[in-house]
Amino acid sequence: GLGKTIEAALIMKELIFRNFYKRVLIIAPSPLLVQWKQELKNKFNEDFTILKRRNFLGNAEDEKNWQNFDHVITSVDFIKNPRYAEQ
């Protein structure tokens, strides 16, 4: 309700435009992942993939592997898990 998604997206768009960044990682609380994904799509026409264990593990060649996505949203809990944090 405080405009965090909009503010973050505006900064993201500016950084992409100025620096030609290709990959973006957004870390948010678990209950807000779908909301962030929807708002980024609806308001900024940006497609993000929600990163969960099922699309994190697997072969690098697997099309669902997280490394094949340029725009990723994941949860704070997922990224702080030592099993996944290094990657």
PDB file of N, CA and C in Angstrom:
ATOM      1  N   GLY A   1       0.792  -1.200   0.000  1.00  0.00           N
ATOM      2  CA  GLY A   1       0.000   0.000   0.000  1.00  0.00           C
ATOM      3  C   GLY A   1       0.835   1.265   0.000  1.00  0.00           C
ATOM      4  N   LEU A   2       2.158   1.164   0.078  1.00  0.00           N
ATOM      5  CA  LEU A   2       2.999   2.355   0.122  1.00  0.00           C
ATOM      6  C   LEU A   2       3.723   2.612  -1.192  1.00  0.00           C
ATOM      7  N   GLY A   3       3.418   1.825  -2.218  1.00  0.00           N
ATOM      8  CA  GLY A   3       4.009   2.057  -3.531  1.00  0.00           C
ATOM      9  C   GLY A   3       5.386   1.451  -3.730  1.00  0.00           C
ATOM     10  N   LYS A   4       5.725   0.444  -2.910  1.00  0.00           N
ATOM     11  CA  LYS A   4       7.064  -0.166  -3.023  1.00  0.00           C
ATOM     12  C   LYS A   4       7.275  -0.813  -4.383  1.00  0.00           C
ATOM     13  N   THR A   5       6.269  -1.498  -4.898  1.00  0.00           N
ATOM     14  CA  THR A   5       6.406  -2.162  -6.196  1.00  0.00           C
ATOM     15  C   THR A   5       6.630  -1.142  -7.294  1.00  0.00           C
ATOM     16  N   ILE A   6       5.855  -0.082  -7.279  1.00  0.00           N
ATOM     17  CA  ILE A   6       5.975   0.952  -8.308  1.00  0.00           C
ATOM     18  C   ILE A   6       7.334   1.641  -8.217  1.00  0.00           C
ATOM     19  N   GLU A   7       7.747   1.983  -7.000  1.00  0.00           N
ATOM     20  CA  GLU A   7       9.038   2.646  -6.832  1.00  0.00           C
ATOM     21  C   GLU A   7      10.179   1.736  -7.295  1.00  0.00           C
ATOM     22  N   ALA A   8      10.147   0.477  -6.894  1.00  0.00           N
ATOM     23  CA  ALA A   8      11.189  -0.475  -7.302  1.00  0.00           C
ATOM     24  C   ALA A   8      11.190  -0.664  -8.817  1.00  0.00           C
ATOM     25  N   ALA A   9      10.023  -0.746  -9.430  1.00  0.00           N
ATOM     26  CA  ALA A   9       9.932  -0.943 -10.877  1.00  0.00           C
ATOM     27  C   ALA A   9      10.449   0.272 -11.642  1.00  0.00           C
ATOM     28  N   LEU A  10      10.172   1.449 -11.149  1.00  0.00           N
ATOM     29  CA  LEU A  10      10.692   2.657 -11.808  1.00  0.00           C
ATOM     30  C   LEU A  10      12.213   2.690 -11.770  1.00  0.00           C
ATOM     31  N   ILE A  11      12.777   2.328 -10.628  1.00  0.00           N
ATOM     32  CA  ILE A  11      14.236   2.282 -10.511  1.00  0.00           C
ATOM     33  C   ILE A  11      14.792   1.197 -11.425  1.00  0.00           C
ATOM     34  N   MET A  12      14.139   0.037 -11.440  1.00  0.00           N
ATOM     35  CA  MET A  12      14.570  -1.060 -12.299  1.00  0.00           C
ATOM     36  C   MET A  12      14.574  -0.638 -13.763  1.00  0.00           C
ATOM     37  N   LYS A  13      13.497  -0.030 -14.216  1.00  0.00           N
ATOM     38  CA  LYS A  13      13.398   0.402 -15.610  1.00  0.00           C
ATOM     39  C   LYS A  13      14.504   1.401 -15.955  1.00  0.00           C
ATOM     40  N   GLU A  14      14.772   2.321 -15.051  1.00  0.00           N
ATOM     41  CA  GLU A  14      15.812   3.322 -15.287  1.00  0.00           C
ATOM     42  C   GLU A  14      17.185   2.661 -15.369  1.00  0.00           C
ATOM     43  N   LEU A  15      17.474   1.734 -14.470  1.00  0.00           N
ATOM     44  CA  LEU A  15      18.762   1.037 -14.497  1.00  0.00           C
ATOM     45  C   LEU A  15      18.919   0.192 -15.758  1.00  0.00           C
ATOM     46  N   ILE A  16      17.858  -0.443 -16.186  1.00  0.00           N
ATOM     47  CA  ILE A  16      17.905  -1.224 -17.428  1.00  0.00           C
ATOM     48  C   ILE A  16      18.176  -0.299 -18.608  1.00  0.00           C
ATOM     49  N   PHE A  17      17.506   0.828 -18.631  1.00  0.00           N
ATOM     50  CA  PHE A  17      17.656   1.780 -19.732  1.00  0.00           C
ATOM     51  C   PHE A  17      19.059   2.381 -19.771  1.00  0.00           C
ATOM     52  N   ARG A  18      19.558   2.814 -18.627  1.00  0.00           N
ATOM     53  CA  ARG A  18      20.863   3.493 -18.576  1.00  0.00           C
ATOM     54  C   ARG A  18      22.040   2.540 -18.716  1.00  0.00           C
ATOM     55  N   ASN A  19      21.931   1.377 -18.116  1.00  0.00           N
ATOM     56  CA  ASN A  19      23.083   0.475 -18.036  1.00  0.00           C
ATOM     57  C   ASN A  19      22.913  -0.797 -18.853  1.00  0.00           C
ATOM     58  N   PHE A  20      21.810  -0.921 -19.524  1.00  0.00           N
ATOM     59  CA  PHE A  20      21.547  -2.086 -20.365  1.00  0.00           C
ATOM     60  C   PHE A  20      21.613  -3.391 -19.580  1.00  0.00           C
ATOM     61  N   TYR A  21      21.154  -3.352 -18.323  1.00  0.00           N
ATOM     62  CA  TYR A  21      21.089  -4.583 -17.539  1.00  0.00           C
ATOM     63  C   TYR A  21      20.093  -5.525 -18.179  1.00  0.00           C
ATOM     64  N   LYS A  22      20.414  -6.795 -18.142  1.00  0.00           N
ATOM     65  CA  LYS A  22      19.536  -7.800 -18.725  1.00  0.00           C
ATOM     66  C   LYS A  22      18.835  -8.620 -17.646  1.00  0.00           C
ATOM     67  N   ARG A  23      19.545  -8.916 -16.578  1.00  0.00           N
ATOM     68  CA  ARG A  23      19.003  -9.786 -15.540  1.00  0.00           C
ATOM     69  C   ARG A  23      18.582  -8.972 -14.325  1.00  0.00           C
ATOM     70  N   VAL A  24      17.416  -9.357 -13.758  1.00  0.00           N
ATOM     71  CA  VAL A  24      16.871  -8.675 -12.591  1.00  0.00           C
ATOM     72  C   VAL A  24      16.405  -9.732 -11.597  1.00  0.00           C
ATOM     73  N   LEU A  25      16.778  -9.560 -10.338  1.00  0.00           N
ATOM     74  CA  LEU A  25      16.330 -10.425  -9.255  1.00  0.00           C
ATOM     75  C   LEU A  25      15.628  -9.561  -8.226  1.00  0.00           C
ATOM     76  N   ILE A  26      14.386  -9.889  -7.939  1.00  0.00           N
ATOM     77  CA  ILE A  26      13.618  -9.194  -6.901  1.00  0.00           C
ATOM     78  C   ILE A  26      13.399 -10.176  -5.769  1.00  0.00           C
ATOM     79  N   ILE A  27      13.683  -9.738  -4.549  1.00  0.00           N
ATOM     80  CA  ILE A  27      13.488 -10.560  -3.359  1.00  0.00           C
ATOM     81  C   ILE A  27      12.415  -9.901  -2.515  1.00  0.00           C
ATOM     82  N   ALA A  28      11.361 -10.661  -2.221  1.00  0.00           N
ATOM     83  CA  ALA A  28      10.217 -10.123  -1.496  1.00  0.00           C
ATOM     84  C   ALA A  28       9.717 -11.167  -0.494  1.00  0.00           C
ATOM     85  N   PRO A  29       8.874 -10.753   0.450  1.00  0.00           N
ATOM     86  CA  PRO A  29       8.273 -11.736   1.355  1.00  0.00           C
ATOM     87  C   PRO A  29       7.407 -12.735   0.567  1.00  0.00           C
ATOM     88  N   SER A  30       7.417 -13.987   0.982  1.00  0.00           N
ATOM     89  CA  SER A  30       6.687 -15.051   0.276  1.00  0.00           C
ATOM     90  C   SER A  30       5.240 -14.707  -0.080  1.00  0.00           C
ATOM     91  N   PRO A  31       4.462 -14.170   0.865  1.00  0.00           N
ATOM     92  CA  PRO A  31       3.048 -13.915   0.530  1.00  0.00           C
ATOM     93  C   PRO A  31       2.845 -12.867  -0.562  1.00  0.00           C
ATOM     94  N   LEU A  32       3.876 -12.111  -0.909  1.00  0.00           N
ATOM     95  CA  LEU A  32       3.734 -11.025  -1.881  1.00  0.00           C
ATOM     96  C   LEU A  32       4.278 -11.355  -3.269  1.00  0.00           C
ATOM     97  N   LEU A  33       4.810 -12.551  -3.475  1.00  0.00           N
ATOM     98  CA  LEU A  33       5.432 -12.880  -4.759  1.00  0.00           C
ATOM     99  C   LEU A  33       4.460 -12.747  -5.931  1.00  0.00           C
ATOM    100  N   VAL A  34       3.279 -13.311  -5.802  1.00  0.00           N
ATOM    101  CA  VAL A  34       2.299 -13.262  -6.891  1.00  0.00           C
ATOM    102  C   VAL A  34       1.842 -11.824  -7.124  1.00  0.00           C
ATOM    103  N   GLN A  35       1.648 -11.083  -6.047  1.00  0.00           N
ATOM    104  CA  GLN A  35       1.239  -9.673  -6.177  1.00  0.00           C
ATOM    105  C   GLN A  35       2.300  -8.877  -6.938  1.00  0.00           C
ATOM    106  N   TRP A  36       3.565  -9.054  -6.596  1.00  0.00           N
ATOM    107  CA  TRP A  36       4.644  -8.357  -7.305  1.00  0.00           C
ATOM    108  C   TRP A  36       4.638  -8.747  -8.776  1.00  0.00           C
ATOM    109  N   LYS A  37       4.522 -10.039  -9.053  1.00  0.00           N
ATOM    110  CA  LYS A  37       4.519 -10.516 -10.442  1.00  0.00           C
ATOM    111  C   LYS A  37       3.381  -9.867 -11.230  1.00  0.00           C
ATOM    112  N   GLN A  38       2.192  -9.838 -10.659  1.00  0.00           N
ATOM    113  CA  GLN A  38       1.030  -9.262 -11.341  1.00  0.00           C
ATOM    114  C   GLN A  38       1.179  -7.763 -11.542  1.00  0.00           C
ATOM    115  N   GLU A  39       1.646  -7.059 -10.535  1.00  0.00           N
ATOM    116  CA  GLU A  39       1.795  -5.605 -10.659  1.00  0.00           C
ATOM    117  C   GLU A  39       2.868  -5.232 -11.680  1.00  0.00           C
ATOM    118  N   LEU A  40       3.958  -5.969 -11.695  1.00  0.00           N
ATOM    119  CA  LEU A  40       5.010  -5.687 -12.675  1.00  0.00           C
ATOM    120  C   LEU A  40       4.520  -5.942 -14.094  1.00  0.00           C
ATOM    121  N   LYS A  41       3.677  -6.940 -14.264  1.00  0.00           N
ATOM    122  CA  LYS A  41       3.125  -7.229 -15.593  1.00  0.00           C
ATOM    123  C   LYS A  41       2.078  -6.175 -15.980  1.00  0.00           C
ATOM    124  N   ASN A  42       1.157  -5.909 -15.087  1.00  0.00           N
ATOM    125  CA  ASN A  42       0.046  -4.995 -15.392  1.00  0.00           C
ATOM    126  C   ASN A  42       0.483  -3.541 -15.546  1.00  0.00           C
ATOM    127  N   LYS A  43       1.388  -3.091 -14.707  1.00  0.00           N
ATOM    128  CA  LYS A  43       1.743  -1.673 -14.695  1.00  0.00           C
ATOM    129  C   LYS A  43       2.988  -1.341 -15.512  1.00  0.00           C
ATOM    130  N   PHE A  44       3.862  -2.339 -15.735  1.00  0.00           N
ATOM    131  CA  PHE A  44       5.131  -2.066 -16.407  1.00  0.00           C
ATOM    132  C   PHE A  44       5.414  -2.997 -17.575  1.00  0.00           C
ATOM    133  N   ASN A  45       4.480  -3.891 -17.868  1.00  0.00           N
ATOM    134  CA  ASN A  45       4.623  -4.853 -18.964  1.00  0.00           C
ATOM    135  C   ASN A  45       5.927  -5.651 -18.854  1.00  0.00           C
ATOM    136  N   GLU A  46       6.272  -6.030 -17.641  1.00  0.00           N
ATOM    137  CA  GLU A  46       7.477  -6.825 -17.372  1.00  0.00           C
ATOM    138  C   GLU A  46       7.050  -8.210 -16.901  1.00  0.00           C
ATOM    139  N   ASP A  47       7.555  -9.240 -17.565  1.00  0.00           N
ATOM    140  CA  ASP A  47       7.258 -10.623 -17.190  1.00  0.00           C
ATOM    141  C   ASP A  47       8.341 -11.145 -16.259  1.00  0.00           C
ATOM    142  N   PHE A  48       7.932 -11.606 -15.097  1.00  0.00           N
ATOM    143  CA  PHE A  48       8.846 -12.194 -14.128  1.00  0.00           C
ATOM    144  C   PHE A  48       8.443 -13.627 -13.849  1.00  0.00           C
ATOM    145  N   THR A  49       9.426 -14.451 -13.543  1.00  0.00           N
ATOM    146  CA  THR A  49       9.201 -15.827 -13.144  1.00  0.00           C
ATOM    147  C   THR A  49       9.409 -15.912 -11.641  1.00  0.00           C
ATOM    148  N   ILE A  50       8.477 -16.559 -10.963  1.00  0.00           N
ATOM    149  CA  ILE A  50       8.630 -16.761  -9.527  1.00  0.00           C
ATOM    150  C   ILE A  50       9.536 -17.969  -9.324  1.00  0.00           C
ATOM    151  N   LEU A  51      10.624 -17.754  -8.615  1.00  0.00           N
ATOM    152  CA  LEU A  51      11.610 -18.796  -8.371  1.00  0.00           C
ATOM    153  C   LEU A  51      11.235 -19.581  -7.127  1.00  0.00           C
ATOM    154  N   LYS A  52      11.028 -20.875  -7.323  1.00  0.00           N
ATOM    155  CA  LYS A  52      10.771 -21.805  -6.223  1.00  0.00           C
ATOM    156  C   LYS A  52      11.693 -22.989  -6.409  1.00  0.00           C
ATOM    157  N   ARG A  53      11.678 -23.878  -5.453  1.00  0.00           N
ATOM    158  CA  ARG A  53      12.572 -25.028  -5.507  1.00  0.00           C
ATOM    159  C   ARG A  53      12.400 -25.838  -6.786  1.00  0.00           C
ATOM    160  N   ARG A  54      11.174 -25.989  -7.265  1.00  0.00           N
ATOM    161  CA  ARG A  54      10.943 -26.838  -8.440  1.00  0.00           C
ATOM    162  C   ARG A  54      11.588 -26.295  -9.717  1.00  0.00           C
ATOM    163  N   ASN A  55      11.757 -24.974  -9.852  1.00  0.00           N
ATOM    164  CA  ASN A  55      12.423 -24.454 -11.041  1.00  0.00           C
ATOM    165  C   ASN A  55      13.829 -23.960 -10.725  1.00  0.00           C
ATOM    166  N   PHE A  56      14.330 -24.327  -9.569  1.00  0.00           N
ATOM    167  CA  PHE A  56      15.696 -23.976  -9.213  1.00  0.00           C
ATOM    168  C   PHE A  56      16.628 -25.168  -9.426  1.00  0.00           C
ATOM    169  N   LEU A  57      16.155 -26.326  -9.028  1.00  0.00           N
ATOM    170  CA  LEU A  57      16.957 -27.534  -9.156  1.00  0.00           C
ATOM    171  C   LEU A  57      16.803 -28.110 -10.551  1.00  0.00           C
ATOM    172  N   GLY A  58      17.759 -28.879 -10.965  1.00  0.00           N
ATOM    173  CA  GLY A  58      17.669 -29.513 -12.271  1.00  0.00           C
ATOM    174  C   GLY A  58      18.869 -29.192 -13.125  1.00  0.00           C
ATOM    175  N   ASN A  59      18.833 -29.677 -14.332  1.00  0.00           N
ATOM    176  CA  ASN A  59      19.935 -29.462 -15.267  1.00  0.00           C
ATOM    177  C   ASN A  59      19.907 -28.047 -15.819  1.00  0.00           C
ATOM    178  N   ALA A  60      21.070 -27.510 -16.122  1.00  0.00           N
ATOM    179  CA  ALA A  60      21.165 -26.169 -16.699  1.00  0.00           C
ATOM    180  C   ALA A  60      20.478 -26.110 -18.056  1.00  0.00           C
ATOM    181  N   GLU A  61      20.392 -27.251 -18.735  1.00  0.00           N
ATOM    182  CA  GLU A  61      19.755 -27.290 -20.054  1.00  0.00           C
ATOM    183  C   GLU A  61      18.228 -27.303 -19.948  1.00  0.00           C
ATOM    184  N   ASP A  62      17.721 -27.650 -18.780  1.00  0.00           N
ATOM    185  CA  ASP A  62      16.276 -27.709 -18.567  1.00  0.00           C
ATOM    186  C   ASP A  62      15.688 -26.312 -18.739  1.00  0.00           C
ATOM    187  N   GLU A  63      14.661 -26.184 -19.576  1.00  0.00           N
ATOM    188  CA  GLU A  63      14.095 -24.851 -19.850  1.00  0.00           C
ATOM    189  C   GLU A  63      13.463 -24.223 -18.625  1.00  0.00           C
ATOM    190  N   LYS A  64      13.162 -24.995 -17.598  1.00  0.00           N
ATOM    191  CA  LYS A  64      12.577 -24.444 -16.380  1.00  0.00           C
ATOM    192  C   LYS A  64      13.639 -24.077 -15.347  1.00  0.00           C
ATOM    193  N   ASN A  65      14.900 -24.253 -15.655  1.00  0.00           N
ATOM    194  CA  ASN A  65      15.972 -23.915 -14.737  1.00  0.00           C
ATOM    195  C   ASN A  65      16.013 -22.404 -14.523  1.00  0.00           C
ATOM    196  N   TRP A  66      16.243 -21.989 -13.284  1.00  0.00           N
ATOM    197  CA  TRP A  66      16.203 -20.556 -12.948  1.00  0.00           C
ATOM    198  C   TRP A  66      17.198 -19.731 -13.754  1.00  0.00           C
ATOM    199  N   GLN A  67      18.310 -20.312 -14.171  1.00  0.00           N
ATOM    200  CA  GLN A  67      19.319 -19.557 -14.899  1.00  0.00           C
ATOM    201  C   GLN A  67      18.855 -19.160 -16.296  1.00  0.00           C
ATOM    202  N   ASN A  68      17.770 -19.743 -16.772  1.00  0.00           N
ATOM    203  CA  ASN A  68      17.247 -19.436 -18.100  1.00  0.00           C
ATOM    204  C   ASN A  68      16.267 -18.266 -18.095  1.00  0.00           C
ATOM    205  N   PHE A  69      16.064 -17.648 -16.948  1.00  0.00           N
ATOM    206  CA  PHE A  69      15.139 -16.524 -16.843  1.00  0.00           C
ATOM    207  C   PHE A  69      15.903 -15.246 -16.527  1.00  0.00           C
ATOM    208  N   ASP A  70      15.580 -14.177 -17.223  1.00  0.00           N
ATOM    209  CA  ASP A  70      16.249 -12.892 -16.985  1.00  0.00           C
ATOM    210  C   ASP A  70      15.583 -12.077 -15.890  1.00  0.00           C
ATOM    211  N   HIS A  71      14.309 -12.308 -15.657  1.00  0.00           N
ATOM    212  CA  HIS A  71      13.555 -11.568 -14.643  1.00  0.00           C
ATOM    213  C   HIS A  71      12.970 -12.567 -13.651  1.00  0.00           C
ATOM    214  N   VAL A  72      13.475 -12.514 -12.422  1.00  0.00           N
ATOM    215  CA  VAL A  72      13.113 -13.498 -11.407  1.00  0.00           C
ATOM    216  C   VAL A  72      12.667 -12.799 -10.137  1.00  0.00           C
ATOM    217  N   ILE A  73      11.626 -13.361  -9.515  1.00  0.00           N
ATOM    218  CA  ILE A  73      11.180 -12.936  -8.187  1.00  0.00           C
ATOM    219  C   ILE A  73      11.293 -14.161  -7.286  1.00  0.00           C
ATOM    220  N   THR A  74      11.852 -13.978  -6.109  1.00  0.00           N
ATOM    221  CA  THR A  74      11.929 -15.076  -5.152  1.00  0.00           C
ATOM    222  C   THR A  74      11.693 -14.535  -3.751  1.00  0.00           C
ATOM    223  N   SER A  75      11.514 -15.453  -2.822  1.00  0.00           N
ATOM    224  CA  SER A  75      11.208 -15.039  -1.456  1.00  0.00           C
ATOM    225  C   SER A  75      12.477 -14.887  -0.629  1.00  0.00           C
ATOM    226  N   VAL A  76      12.360 -14.105   0.411  1.00  0.00           N
ATOM    227  CA  VAL A  76      13.449 -13.904   1.354  1.00  0.00           C
ATOM    228  C   VAL A  76      13.819 -15.254   1.969  1.00  0.00           C
ATOM    229  N   ASP A  77      12.822 -16.038   2.333  1.00  0.00           N
ATOM    230  CA  ASP A  77      13.067 -17.334   2.955  1.00  0.00           C
ATOM    231  C   ASP A  77      13.811 -18.276   2.019  1.00  0.00           C
ATOM    232  N   PHE A  78      13.458 -18.273   0.748  1.00  0.00           N
ATOM    233  CA  PHE A  78      14.122 -19.158  -0.205  1.00  0.00           C
ATOM    234  C   PHE A  78      15.587 -18.772  -0.381  1.00  0.00           C
ATOM    235  N   ILE A  79      15.850 -17.508  -0.566  1.00  0.00           N
ATOM    236  CA  ILE A  79      17.212 -17.074  -0.881  1.00  0.00           C
ATOM    237  C   ILE A  79      18.149 -17.170   0.318  1.00  0.00           C
ATOM    238  N   LYS A  80      17.620 -17.115   1.527  1.00  0.00           N
ATOM    239  CA  LYS A  80      18.496 -17.214   2.700  1.00  0.00           C
ATOM    240  C   LYS A  80      18.759 -18.670   3.098  1.00  0.00           C
ATOM    241  N   ASN A  81      18.111 -19.617   2.460  1.00  0.00           N
ATOM    242  CA  ASN A  81      18.357 -21.035   2.705  1.00  0.00           C
ATOM    243  C   ASN A  81      19.776 -21.355   2.225  1.00  0.00           C
ATOM    244  N   PRO A  82      20.649 -21.839   3.103  1.00  0.00           N
ATOM    245  CA  PRO A  82      22.047 -22.104   2.699  1.00  0.00           C
ATOM    246  C   PRO A  82      22.164 -23.060   1.515  1.00  0.00           C
ATOM    247  N   ARG A  83      21.200 -23.920   1.337  1.00  0.00           N
ATOM    248  CA  ARG A  83      21.239 -24.881   0.224  1.00  0.00           C
ATOM    249  C   ARG A  83      21.183 -24.171  -1.126  1.00  0.00           C
ATOM    250  N   TYR A  84      20.503 -23.024  -1.206  1.00  0.00           N
ATOM    251  CA  TYR A  84      20.311 -22.322  -2.465  1.00  0.00           C
ATOM    252  C   TYR A  84      21.048 -20.997  -2.542  1.00  0.00           C
ATOM    253  N   ALA A  85      21.425 -20.438  -1.427  1.00  0.00           N
ATOM    254  CA  ALA A  85      21.961 -19.076  -1.370  1.00  0.00           C
ATOM    255  C   ALA A  85      23.205 -18.886  -2.241  1.00  0.00           C
ATOM    256  N   GLU A  86      24.089 -19.849  -2.268  1.00  0.00           N
ATOM    257  CA  GLU A  86      25.337 -19.686  -3.020  1.00  0.00           C
ATOM    258  C   GLU A  86      25.082 -19.498  -4.502  1.00  0.00           C
ATOM    259  N   GLN A  87      24.148 -20.263  -5.060  1.00  0.00           N
ATOM    260  CA  GLN A  87      23.874 -20.165  -6.481  1.00  0.00           C
ATOM    261  C   GLN A  87      23.127 -18.896  -6.794  1.00  0.00           C
TER     262      GLN A  87
END
